[in-house]
Amino acid sequence: MIEYIKGEIVELTPAYMIMECAGIGYQLNISLNTYSFYNGKTTGKIYVYEVIREDAHLLFGFADKAERELFLLLISVSGVGSNTARMILSSFSPSDLIQVIATKDENSLTAVKGIGLKTAQRIIIDLKNKVKPVESLGNSSSRATSGGAMAEEAVAALIMLGFQKAASQKAVNSILKASPALTVEQVIKSALRIL
């Protein structure tokens, strides 16, 4: 199993990154939290979880071990796959997710695409004793991008996460109209709650 990859960040989007290490480019599926951490950086060290299926070999990357541990806990819950876990980690920071589970906040979990009431309840029941509430950590927000480029980047990320292009554009446009000062990550997180 791959523990981490350290190298040059060749490409970075809100849904995936390509990191080159020893002449090999690795595509890693990432959450918005990991995107925020690496945004603007040219090199880095990313912790990895490998998913090997019959039809694909996928790598999921995380900025720190804590986020990877939460990902592993989420995929241990029946009915939560790797993409759903990534969607949850894109909707909440690790500390917020721990708080949601600790306070049994089903409504926040059901706001995430693909999470119904039963799955939210299962996540809370299965993980409530495995996570401990923590003080909310300050999230670093990335530098602001121009409005048009930010909208395009946000829509592209939502499409990669499985949303329809028209619905994604509508959600992003309404969010930016109401709050033009948001960062790309904040726009995508808001859109995930709407879609």
N, C-alpha and C. Protein backbone atom coordinates (compact mmCIF):
# COMPACT_ATOMS: atom_id res chain seq x y z
N MET A 1 0.85 -1.19 0.00
CA MET A 1 0.00 0.00 0.00
C MET A 1 0.89 1.25 0.00
N ILE A 2 0.40 2.28 -0.67
CA ILE A 2 1.13 3.55 -0.72
C ILE A 2 0.74 4.38 0.50
N GLU A 3 1.72 4.82 1.28
CA GLU A 3 1.45 5.66 2.46
C GLU A 3 1.30 7.12 2.05
N TYR A 4 2.24 7.63 1.28
CA TYR A 4 2.15 9.01 0.81
C TYR A 4 2.97 9.17 -0.46
N ILE A 5 2.70 10.27 -1.16
CA ILE A 5 3.48 10.64 -2.34
C ILE A 5 3.99 12.04 -2.10
N LYS A 6 5.29 12.24 -2.37
CA LYS A 6 5.90 13.55 -2.20
C LYS A 6 6.48 13.95 -3.54
N GLY A 7 6.10 15.13 -4.02
CA GLY A 7 6.61 15.54 -5.32
C GLY A 7 6.06 16.87 -5.78
N GLU A 8 6.09 17.05 -7.10
CA GLU A 8 5.66 18.30 -7.71
C GLU A 8 4.19 18.22 -8.09
N ILE A 9 3.44 19.27 -7.74
CA ILE A 9 2.03 19.33 -8.10
C ILE A 9 1.94 19.87 -9.52
N VAL A 10 1.57 19.00 -10.46
CA VAL A 10 1.52 19.34 -11.87
C VAL A 10 0.18 20.00 -12.22
N GLU A 11 -0.91 19.47 -11.64
CA GLU A 11 -2.24 20.01 -11.90
C GLU A 11 -3.06 19.90 -10.63
N LEU A 12 -3.87 20.93 -10.38
CA LEU A 12 -4.71 20.93 -9.17
C LEU A 12 -6.07 21.49 -9.50
N THR A 13 -7.11 20.70 -9.28
CA THR A 13 -8.49 21.15 -9.45
C THR A 13 -9.22 20.84 -8.14
N PRO A 14 -10.42 21.37 -7.94
CA PRO A 14 -11.14 21.06 -6.70
C PRO A 14 -11.53 19.59 -6.54
N ALA A 15 -11.45 18.79 -7.61
CA ALA A 15 -11.84 17.39 -7.52
C ALA A 15 -10.67 16.41 -7.58
N TYR A 16 -9.57 16.81 -8.23
CA TYR A 16 -8.42 15.91 -8.32
C TYR A 16 -7.13 16.71 -8.46
N MET A 17 -6.02 16.02 -8.24
CA MET A 17 -4.71 16.63 -8.46
C MET A 17 -3.82 15.60 -9.14
N ILE A 18 -2.83 16.10 -9.87
CA ILE A 18 -1.83 15.22 -10.46
C ILE A 18 -0.49 15.61 -9.83
N MET A 19 0.14 14.63 -9.20
CA MET A 19 1.43 14.86 -8.54
C MET A 19 2.47 13.99 -9.22
N GLU A 20 3.57 14.63 -9.61
CA GLU A 20 4.66 13.89 -10.26
C GLU A 20 5.72 13.54 -9.23
N CYS A 21 6.08 12.27 -9.22
CA CYS A 21 7.10 11.77 -8.31
C CYS A 21 7.98 10.79 -9.08
N ALA A 22 9.26 11.07 -9.17
CA ALA A 22 10.22 10.22 -9.87
C ALA A 22 9.80 9.95 -11.31
N GLY A 23 9.29 10.99 -11.97
CA GLY A 23 8.92 10.87 -13.38
C GLY A 23 7.58 10.22 -13.65
N ILE A 24 6.84 9.86 -12.60
CA ILE A 24 5.51 9.25 -12.77
C ILE A 24 4.47 10.24 -12.26
N GLY A 25 3.43 10.48 -13.05
CA GLY A 25 2.34 11.37 -12.64
C GLY A 25 1.20 10.56 -12.05
N TYR A 26 0.86 10.84 -10.80
CA TYR A 26 -0.22 10.14 -10.11
C TYR A 26 -1.45 11.05 -10.06
N GLN A 27 -2.61 10.52 -10.50
CA GLN A 27 -3.85 11.28 -10.37
C GLN A 27 -4.52 10.84 -9.08
N LEU A 28 -4.79 11.83 -8.21
CA LEU A 28 -5.38 11.56 -6.91
C LEU A 28 -6.72 12.29 -6.80
N ASN A 29 -7.76 11.56 -6.42
CA ASN A 29 -9.05 12.19 -6.15
C ASN A 29 -8.95 12.86 -4.78
N ILE A 30 -9.36 14.12 -4.70
CA ILE A 30 -9.21 14.88 -3.46
C ILE A 30 -10.52 15.54 -3.06
N SER A 31 -10.59 15.95 -1.80
CA SER A 31 -11.73 16.71 -1.29
C SER A 31 -11.42 18.20 -1.42
N LEU A 32 -12.42 19.02 -1.17
CA LEU A 32 -12.21 20.47 -1.21
C LEU A 32 -11.26 20.93 -0.11
N ASN A 33 -11.25 20.23 1.01
CA ASN A 33 -10.33 20.59 2.10
C ASN A 33 -8.88 20.41 1.65
N THR A 34 -8.61 19.31 0.96
CA THR A 34 -7.26 19.06 0.46
C THR A 34 -6.91 20.06 -0.63
N TYR A 35 -7.88 20.37 -1.49
CA TYR A 35 -7.66 21.39 -2.54
C TYR A 35 -7.26 22.72 -1.90
N SER A 36 -7.99 23.13 -0.87
CA SER A 36 -7.69 24.39 -0.18
C SER A 36 -6.28 24.39 0.39
N PHE A 37 -5.87 23.25 0.94
CA PHE A 37 -4.55 23.14 1.54
C PHE A 37 -3.44 23.31 0.51
N TYR A 38 -3.60 22.70 -0.66
CA TYR A 38 -2.54 22.71 -1.68
C TYR A 38 -2.66 23.85 -2.69
N ASN A 39 -3.76 24.59 -2.66
CA ASN A 39 -3.96 25.65 -3.65
C ASN A 39 -2.83 26.68 -3.55
N GLY A 40 -2.17 26.93 -4.68
CA GLY A 40 -1.07 27.90 -4.72
C GLY A 40 0.30 27.30 -4.46
N LYS A 41 0.35 26.01 -4.10
CA LYS A 41 1.64 25.36 -3.82
C LYS A 41 2.12 24.61 -5.06
N THR A 42 3.42 24.48 -5.21
CA THR A 42 3.97 23.78 -6.37
C THR A 42 4.50 22.38 -6.02
N THR A 43 4.76 22.15 -4.75
CA THR A 43 5.20 20.82 -4.30
C THR A 43 4.45 20.46 -3.03
N GLY A 44 4.49 19.21 -2.68
CA GLY A 44 3.82 18.81 -1.45
C GLY A 44 3.95 17.33 -1.16
N LYS A 45 3.39 16.94 -0.04
CA LYS A 45 3.35 15.55 0.41
C LYS A 45 1.89 15.25 0.67
N ILE A 46 1.36 14.22 0.00
CA ILE A 46 -0.06 13.92 0.14
C ILE A 46 -0.21 12.47 0.62
N TYR A 47 -1.06 12.28 1.63
CA TYR A 47 -1.32 10.95 2.15
C TYR A 47 -2.32 10.26 1.24
N VAL A 48 -2.15 8.96 1.03
CA VAL A 48 -2.88 8.25 -0.01
C VAL A 48 -3.69 7.09 0.55
N TYR A 49 -4.85 6.87 -0.06
CA TYR A 49 -5.62 5.63 0.14
C TYR A 49 -5.88 5.07 -1.24
N GLU A 50 -5.57 3.79 -1.41
CA GLU A 50 -5.68 3.13 -2.70
C GLU A 50 -6.94 2.27 -2.74
N VAL A 51 -7.75 2.43 -3.79
CA VAL A 51 -8.94 1.61 -3.99
C VAL A 51 -8.70 0.78 -5.24
N ILE A 52 -8.67 -0.53 -5.07
CA ILE A 52 -8.46 -1.42 -6.21
C ILE A 52 -9.74 -2.22 -6.43
N ARG A 53 -10.34 -1.96 -7.60
CA ARG A 53 -11.57 -2.67 -7.97
C ARG A 53 -11.29 -3.46 -9.24
N GLU A 54 -12.27 -4.25 -9.65
CA GLU A 54 -12.15 -5.02 -10.88
C GLU A 54 -11.93 -4.11 -12.08
N ASP A 55 -12.63 -2.99 -12.10
CA ASP A 55 -12.62 -2.11 -13.28
C ASP A 55 -11.73 -0.88 -13.14
N ALA A 56 -11.14 -0.65 -11.97
CA ALA A 56 -10.33 0.56 -11.80
C ALA A 56 -9.40 0.46 -10.61
N HIS A 57 -8.29 1.19 -10.71
CA HIS A 57 -7.38 1.39 -9.58
C HIS A 57 -7.40 2.89 -9.31
N LEU A 58 -7.92 3.29 -8.16
CA LEU A 58 -8.08 4.71 -7.84
C LEU A 58 -7.22 5.09 -6.65
N LEU A 59 -6.72 6.32 -6.68
CA LEU A 59 -5.98 6.86 -5.55
C LEU A 59 -6.75 8.05 -4.99
N PHE A 60 -6.90 8.08 -3.69
CA PHE A 60 -7.51 9.21 -3.01
C PHE A 60 -6.43 9.87 -2.17
N GLY A 61 -6.33 11.21 -2.27
CA GLY A 61 -5.28 11.93 -1.58
C GLY A 61 -5.83 12.84 -0.50
N PHE A 62 -5.05 13.00 0.57
CA PHE A 62 -5.48 13.80 1.72
C PHE A 62 -4.32 14.65 2.22
N ALA A 63 -4.63 15.87 2.60
CA ALA A 63 -3.62 16.80 3.08
C ALA A 63 -2.99 16.34 4.39
N ASP A 64 -3.76 15.63 5.21
CA ASP A 64 -3.20 15.15 6.48
C ASP A 64 -3.80 13.79 6.85
N LYS A 65 -3.18 13.17 7.84
CA LYS A 65 -3.61 11.83 8.25
C LYS A 65 -5.00 11.85 8.88
N ALA A 66 -5.36 12.95 9.54
CA ALA A 66 -6.67 13.02 10.20
C ALA A 66 -7.80 12.92 9.18
N GLU A 67 -7.66 13.62 8.05
CA GLU A 67 -8.70 13.55 7.03
C GLU A 67 -8.76 12.14 6.43
N ARG A 68 -7.60 11.52 6.24
CA ARG A 68 -7.60 10.15 5.72
C ARG A 68 -8.27 9.20 6.69
N GLU A 69 -8.02 9.37 7.98
CA GLU A 69 -8.66 8.52 8.98
C GLU A 69 -10.19 8.66 8.95
N LEU A 70 -10.66 9.91 8.80
CA LEU A 70 -12.11 10.13 8.69
C LEU A 70 -12.66 9.45 7.43
N PHE A 71 -11.93 9.54 6.33
CA PHE A 71 -12.33 8.88 5.08
C PHE A 71 -12.46 7.37 5.31
N LEU A 72 -11.47 6.77 5.96
CA LEU A 72 -11.49 5.33 6.22
C LEU A 72 -12.66 4.96 7.13
N LEU A 73 -12.96 5.80 8.12
CA LEU A 73 -14.10 5.54 8.98
C LEU A 73 -15.41 5.62 8.18
N LEU A 74 -15.50 6.63 7.32
CA LEU A 74 -16.73 6.79 6.52
C LEU A 74 -16.96 5.60 5.59
N ILE A 75 -15.91 5.13 4.90
CA ILE A 75 -16.12 4.02 3.97
C ILE A 75 -16.33 2.69 4.69
N SER A 76 -16.07 2.66 6.00
CA SER A 76 -16.36 1.44 6.77
C SER A 76 -17.85 1.30 7.07
N VAL A 77 -18.59 2.39 6.88
CA VAL A 77 -20.04 2.38 7.12
C VAL A 77 -20.73 1.76 5.91
N SER A 78 -21.63 0.83 6.16
CA SER A 78 -22.37 0.17 5.08
C SER A 78 -23.15 1.21 4.27
N GLY A 79 -22.99 1.17 2.95
CA GLY A 79 -23.72 2.11 2.09
C GLY A 79 -22.95 3.37 1.75
N VAL A 80 -21.75 3.55 2.32
CA VAL A 80 -20.94 4.73 2.02
C VAL A 80 -19.70 4.28 1.24
N GLY A 81 -19.66 4.67 -0.03
CA GLY A 81 -18.52 4.34 -0.88
C GLY A 81 -17.48 5.44 -0.85
N SER A 82 -16.41 5.24 -1.60
CA SER A 82 -15.31 6.20 -1.59
C SER A 82 -15.71 7.56 -2.14
N ASN A 83 -16.53 7.60 -3.20
CA ASN A 83 -16.94 8.90 -3.74
C ASN A 83 -17.91 9.63 -2.82
N THR A 84 -18.77 8.88 -2.14
CA THR A 84 -19.68 9.50 -1.18
C THR A 84 -18.89 10.06 0.00
N ALA A 85 -17.89 9.30 0.46
CA ALA A 85 -17.04 9.77 1.56
C ALA A 85 -16.32 11.05 1.16
N ARG A 86 -15.83 11.10 -0.09
CA ARG A 86 -15.14 12.31 -0.57
C ARG A 86 -16.12 13.47 -0.64
N MET A 87 -17.36 13.22 -1.04
CA MET A 87 -18.38 14.26 -1.10
C MET A 87 -18.65 14.82 0.31
N ILE A 88 -18.71 13.93 1.30
CA ILE A 88 -18.93 14.36 2.69
C ILE A 88 -17.76 15.21 3.16
N LEU A 89 -16.53 14.77 2.86
CA LEU A 89 -15.34 15.52 3.27
C LEU A 89 -15.19 16.83 2.50
N SER A 90 -15.84 16.94 1.34
CA SER A 90 -15.84 18.21 0.61
C SER A 90 -16.88 19.17 1.19
N SER A 91 -17.89 18.62 1.83
CA SER A 91 -18.95 19.46 2.40
C SER A 91 -18.62 19.96 3.80
N PHE A 92 -17.78 19.22 4.53
CA PHE A 92 -17.42 19.59 5.90
C PHE A 92 -15.90 19.54 6.07
N SER A 93 -15.38 20.42 6.90
CA SER A 93 -13.98 20.28 7.30
C SER A 93 -13.92 19.08 8.26
N PRO A 94 -12.76 18.46 8.45
CA PRO A 94 -12.69 17.32 9.37
C PRO A 94 -13.24 17.63 10.76
N SER A 95 -12.91 18.80 11.30
CA SER A 95 -13.41 19.14 12.64
C SER A 95 -14.93 19.33 12.64
N ASP A 96 -15.47 19.93 11.57
CA ASP A 96 -16.93 20.10 11.47
C ASP A 96 -17.63 18.74 11.37
N LEU A 97 -17.06 17.82 10.59
CA LEU A 97 -17.66 16.50 10.43
C LEU A 97 -17.67 15.75 11.77
N ILE A 98 -16.57 15.85 12.50
CA ILE A 98 -16.52 15.21 13.83
C ILE A 98 -17.60 15.80 14.72
N GLN A 99 -17.79 17.12 14.65
CA GLN A 99 -18.81 17.78 15.46
C GLN A 99 -20.21 17.33 15.05
N VAL A 100 -20.45 17.20 13.74
CA VAL A 100 -21.76 16.75 13.23
C VAL A 100 -22.07 15.35 13.75
N ILE A 101 -21.08 14.47 13.70
CA ILE A 101 -21.28 13.09 14.19
C ILE A 101 -21.48 13.08 15.70
N ALA A 102 -20.65 13.83 16.42
CA ALA A 102 -20.73 13.85 17.89
C ALA A 102 -22.05 14.41 18.40
N THR A 103 -22.59 15.41 17.68
CA THR A 103 -23.86 16.02 18.11
C THR A 103 -25.07 15.37 17.45
N LYS A 104 -24.83 14.28 16.69
CA LYS A 104 -25.90 13.52 16.04
C LYS A 104 -26.77 14.40 15.14
N ASP A 105 -26.12 15.25 14.36
CA ASP A 105 -26.79 16.20 13.47
C ASP A 105 -27.12 15.55 12.13
N GLU A 106 -28.23 14.80 12.09
CA GLU A 106 -28.65 14.09 10.87
C GLU A 106 -28.95 15.06 9.73
N ASN A 107 -29.54 16.22 10.06
CA ASN A 107 -29.94 17.17 9.02
C ASN A 107 -28.75 17.68 8.22
N SER A 108 -27.63 17.93 8.88
CA SER A 108 -26.44 18.39 8.15
C SER A 108 -25.93 17.32 7.20
N LEU A 109 -25.95 16.06 7.65
CA LEU A 109 -25.48 14.97 6.79
C LEU A 109 -26.42 14.75 5.61
N THR A 110 -27.72 14.85 5.82
CA THR A 110 -28.66 14.62 4.71
C THR A 110 -28.62 15.75 3.68
N ALA A 111 -28.00 16.87 4.03
CA ALA A 111 -27.84 17.97 3.06
C ALA A 111 -26.80 17.65 2.00
N VAL A 112 -25.98 16.62 2.23
CA VAL A 112 -24.94 16.20 1.28
C VAL A 112 -25.58 15.32 0.22
N LYS A 113 -25.22 15.56 -1.07
CA LYS A 113 -25.78 14.76 -2.17
C LYS A 113 -25.49 13.28 -1.95
N GLY A 114 -26.51 12.45 -2.11
CA GLY A 114 -26.34 11.01 -2.00
C GLY A 114 -26.51 10.47 -0.59
N ILE A 115 -26.75 11.33 0.38
CA ILE A 115 -26.92 10.87 1.77
C ILE A 115 -28.39 11.04 2.16
N GLY A 116 -29.04 9.91 2.35
CA GLY A 116 -30.41 9.93 2.82
C GLY A 116 -30.44 9.82 4.34
N LEU A 117 -31.65 9.85 4.90
CA LEU A 117 -31.80 9.82 6.35
C LEU A 117 -31.23 8.53 6.95
N LYS A 118 -31.50 7.38 6.32
CA LYS A 118 -31.01 6.11 6.87
C LYS A 118 -29.48 6.05 6.86
N THR A 119 -28.88 6.52 5.77
CA THR A 119 -27.41 6.52 5.69
C THR A 119 -26.83 7.46 6.74
N ALA A 120 -27.44 8.64 6.89
CA ALA A 120 -26.97 9.60 7.89
C ALA A 120 -27.05 8.99 9.29
N GLN A 121 -28.16 8.32 9.59
CA GLN A 121 -28.31 7.67 10.90
C GLN A 121 -27.27 6.57 11.09
N ARG A 122 -27.00 5.80 10.01
CA ARG A 122 -26.02 4.72 10.08
C ARG A 122 -24.62 5.29 10.34
N ILE A 123 -24.29 6.40 9.67
CA ILE A 123 -22.98 7.04 9.88
C ILE A 123 -22.84 7.45 11.34
N ILE A 124 -23.87 8.09 11.86
CA ILE A 124 -23.82 8.57 13.25
C ILE A 124 -23.72 7.41 14.23
N ILE A 125 -24.53 6.37 14.04
CA ILE A 125 -24.51 5.23 14.96
C ILE A 125 -23.16 4.51 14.90
N ASP A 126 -22.67 4.27 13.68
CA ASP A 126 -21.41 3.52 13.53
C ASP A 126 -20.18 4.29 14.01
N LEU A 127 -20.20 5.62 13.86
CA LEU A 127 -18.99 6.39 14.12
C LEU A 127 -19.01 7.22 15.41
N LYS A 128 -20.15 7.32 16.09
CA LYS A 128 -20.22 8.21 17.25
C LYS A 128 -19.22 7.88 18.34
N ASN A 129 -18.88 6.60 18.50
CA ASN A 129 -17.91 6.22 19.53
C ASN A 129 -16.47 6.17 18.99
N LYS A 130 -16.32 6.38 17.68
CA LYS A 130 -14.99 6.30 17.08
C LYS A 130 -14.36 7.68 16.87
N VAL A 131 -15.17 8.74 16.94
CA VAL A 131 -14.64 10.10 16.80
C VAL A 131 -14.87 10.87 18.09
N LYS A 132 -13.97 11.78 18.37
CA LYS A 132 -14.11 12.60 19.57
C LYS A 132 -14.27 14.05 19.15
N PRO A 133 -15.22 14.80 19.78
CA PRO A 133 -15.40 16.20 19.41
C PRO A 133 -14.12 17.00 19.64
N VAL A 134 -13.84 17.93 18.75
CA VAL A 134 -12.65 18.78 18.88
C VAL A 134 -13.05 20.24 18.75
N GLU A 135 -12.16 21.10 19.20
CA GLU A 135 -12.37 22.52 19.00
C GLU A 135 -12.31 22.79 17.51
N SER A 136 -13.18 23.64 17.02
CA SER A 136 -13.19 23.95 15.59
C SER A 136 -11.89 24.63 15.20
N LEU A 137 -11.23 24.08 14.18
CA LEU A 137 -9.97 24.63 13.72
C LEU A 137 -10.24 25.70 12.69
N GLY A 138 -9.43 26.72 12.64
CA GLY A 138 -9.60 27.77 11.65
C GLY A 138 -9.27 27.24 10.27
N ASN A 139 -10.19 27.42 9.32
CA ASN A 139 -9.94 26.94 7.96
C ASN A 139 -9.24 28.02 7.16
N SER A 140 -8.22 27.61 6.42
CA SER A 140 -7.54 28.58 5.57
C SER A 140 -8.31 28.67 4.27
N SER A 141 -8.64 29.86 3.86
CA SER A 141 -9.33 30.00 2.58
C SER A 141 -8.32 30.46 1.55
N SER A 142 -8.53 29.98 0.34
CA SER A 142 -7.54 30.29 -0.69
C SER A 142 -7.71 31.70 -1.21
N ARG A 143 -6.71 32.11 -1.97
CA ARG A 143 -6.74 33.45 -2.53
C ARG A 143 -7.91 33.59 -3.50
N ALA A 144 -8.43 34.77 -3.61
CA ALA A 144 -9.59 35.01 -4.48
C ALA A 144 -9.17 34.93 -5.94
N THR A 145 -10.08 34.42 -6.75
CA THR A 145 -9.87 34.32 -8.19
C THR A 145 -10.87 35.26 -8.84
N SER A 146 -10.63 35.64 -10.08
CA SER A 146 -11.59 36.52 -10.75
C SER A 146 -12.92 35.79 -10.90
N GLY A 147 -14.02 36.55 -10.91
CA GLY A 147 -15.37 35.98 -10.90
C GLY A 147 -15.63 34.95 -11.97
N GLY A 148 -15.31 35.26 -13.24
CA GLY A 148 -15.57 34.33 -14.33
C GLY A 148 -14.76 33.05 -14.21
N ALA A 149 -13.48 33.18 -13.90
CA ALA A 149 -12.62 32.01 -13.76
C ALA A 149 -13.06 31.17 -12.55
N MET A 150 -13.46 31.86 -11.48
CA MET A 150 -13.91 31.15 -10.29
C MET A 150 -15.18 30.36 -10.59
N ALA A 151 -16.12 30.98 -11.31
CA ALA A 151 -17.37 30.30 -11.66
C ALA A 151 -17.07 29.07 -12.52
N GLU A 152 -16.19 29.21 -13.50
CA GLU A 152 -15.84 28.09 -14.37
C GLU A 152 -15.19 26.96 -13.57
N GLU A 153 -14.29 27.32 -12.67
CA GLU A 153 -13.60 26.31 -11.86
C GLU A 153 -14.59 25.59 -10.94
N ALA A 154 -15.50 26.34 -10.34
CA ALA A 154 -16.49 25.74 -9.45
C ALA A 154 -17.42 24.81 -10.23
N VAL A 155 -17.89 25.24 -11.39
CA VAL A 155 -18.78 24.40 -12.21
C VAL A 155 -18.05 23.14 -12.65
N ALA A 156 -16.79 23.28 -13.09
CA ALA A 156 -16.01 22.11 -13.51
C ALA A 156 -15.86 21.10 -12.37
N ALA A 157 -15.62 21.60 -11.17
CA ALA A 157 -15.48 20.71 -10.01
C ALA A 157 -16.79 19.99 -9.72
N LEU A 158 -17.90 20.71 -9.80
CA LEU A 158 -19.20 20.09 -9.52
C LEU A 158 -19.53 19.03 -10.57
N ILE A 159 -19.18 19.29 -11.82
CA ILE A 159 -19.41 18.30 -12.88
C ILE A 159 -18.58 17.05 -12.61
N MET A 160 -17.32 17.22 -12.17
CA MET A 160 -16.45 16.07 -11.85
C MET A 160 -16.99 15.29 -10.66
N LEU A 161 -17.73 15.98 -9.79
CA LEU A 161 -18.32 15.30 -8.63
C LEU A 161 -19.65 14.62 -8.97
N GLY A 162 -20.09 14.76 -10.24
CA GLY A 162 -21.28 14.02 -10.68
C GLY A 162 -22.54 14.84 -10.86
N PHE A 163 -22.48 16.15 -10.79
CA PHE A 163 -23.66 16.98 -10.96
C PHE A 163 -23.81 17.39 -12.43
N GLN A 164 -25.05 17.69 -12.84
CA GLN A 164 -25.32 18.14 -14.20
C GLN A 164 -24.76 19.54 -14.41
N LYS A 165 -24.31 19.83 -15.64
CA LYS A 165 -23.68 21.11 -15.94
C LYS A 165 -24.65 22.27 -15.75
N ALA A 166 -25.87 22.16 -16.29
CA ALA A 166 -26.84 23.26 -16.21
C ALA A 166 -27.20 23.59 -14.75
N ALA A 167 -27.44 22.54 -13.95
CA ALA A 167 -27.79 22.75 -12.54
C ALA A 167 -26.61 23.36 -11.79
N SER A 168 -25.40 22.91 -12.12
CA SER A 168 -24.20 23.43 -11.46
C SER A 168 -24.00 24.90 -11.79
N GLN A 169 -24.16 25.28 -13.07
CA GLN A 169 -24.00 26.67 -13.47
C GLN A 169 -25.03 27.56 -12.79
N LYS A 170 -26.26 27.09 -12.73
CA LYS A 170 -27.34 27.86 -12.09
C LYS A 170 -27.03 28.10 -10.61
N ALA A 171 -26.60 27.03 -9.91
CA ALA A 171 -26.30 27.14 -8.48
C ALA A 171 -25.12 28.08 -8.25
N VAL A 172 -24.05 27.92 -9.03
CA VAL A 172 -22.85 28.75 -8.87
C VAL A 172 -23.17 30.22 -9.16
N ASN A 173 -23.92 30.47 -10.22
CA ASN A 173 -24.29 31.86 -10.56
C ASN A 173 -25.12 32.51 -9.47
N SER A 174 -26.08 31.78 -8.91
CA SER A 174 -26.91 32.37 -7.86
C SER A 174 -26.10 32.63 -6.59
N ILE A 175 -25.16 31.74 -6.28
CA ILE A 175 -24.31 31.92 -5.09
C ILE A 175 -23.41 33.14 -5.27
N LEU A 176 -22.77 33.25 -6.45
CA LEU A 176 -21.87 34.37 -6.70
C LEU A 176 -22.62 35.70 -6.80
N LYS A 177 -23.87 35.66 -7.27
CA LYS A 177 -24.68 36.88 -7.33
C LYS A 177 -24.98 37.40 -5.93
N ALA A 178 -25.28 36.45 -5.03
CA ALA A 178 -25.60 36.83 -3.64
C ALA A 178 -24.35 37.19 -2.84
N SER A 179 -23.25 36.47 -3.09
CA SER A 179 -22.01 36.68 -2.32
C SER A 179 -20.80 36.63 -3.25
N PRO A 180 -20.48 37.72 -3.94
CA PRO A 180 -19.38 37.69 -4.90
C PRO A 180 -17.98 37.58 -4.28
N ALA A 181 -17.85 37.77 -2.98
CA ALA A 181 -16.53 37.76 -2.34
C ALA A 181 -16.09 36.37 -1.88
N LEU A 182 -16.90 35.33 -2.15
CA LEU A 182 -16.54 33.98 -1.70
C LEU A 182 -15.36 33.41 -2.48
N THR A 183 -14.63 32.49 -1.85
CA THR A 183 -13.55 31.78 -2.53
C THR A 183 -14.17 30.62 -3.31
N VAL A 184 -13.38 30.00 -4.18
CA VAL A 184 -13.86 28.87 -4.98
C VAL A 184 -14.38 27.76 -4.07
N GLU A 185 -13.63 27.45 -3.02
CA GLU A 185 -14.03 26.38 -2.10
C GLU A 185 -15.37 26.69 -1.44
N GLN A 186 -15.57 27.94 -1.03
CA GLN A 186 -16.82 28.32 -0.39
C GLN A 186 -17.98 28.24 -1.37
N VAL A 187 -17.75 28.62 -2.62
CA VAL A 187 -18.80 28.53 -3.64
C VAL A 187 -19.20 27.07 -3.85
N ILE A 188 -18.19 26.19 -3.96
CA ILE A 188 -18.49 24.77 -4.20
C ILE A 188 -19.21 24.17 -2.99
N LYS A 189 -18.76 24.50 -1.79
CA LYS A 189 -19.43 23.98 -0.59
C LYS A 189 -20.88 24.46 -0.53
N SER A 190 -21.12 25.71 -0.86
CA SER A 190 -22.50 26.22 -0.87
C SER A 190 -23.32 25.51 -1.93
N ALA A 191 -22.74 25.28 -3.10
CA ALA A 191 -23.44 24.60 -4.18
C ALA A 191 -23.77 23.15 -3.79
N LEU A 192 -22.87 22.50 -3.07
CA LEU A 192 -23.13 21.12 -2.64
C LEU A 192 -24.34 21.05 -1.72
N ARG A 193 -24.58 22.10 -0.97
CA ARG A 193 -25.74 22.12 -0.08
C ARG A 193 -27.03 22.39 -0.85
N ILE A 194 -26.94 23.09 -1.99
CA ILE A 194 -28.12 23.42 -2.79
C ILE A 194 -28.53 22.28 -3.71
N LEU A 195 -27.54 21.67 -4.36
CA LEU A 195 -27.83 20.66 -5.40
C LEU A 195 -28.37 19.35 -4.84
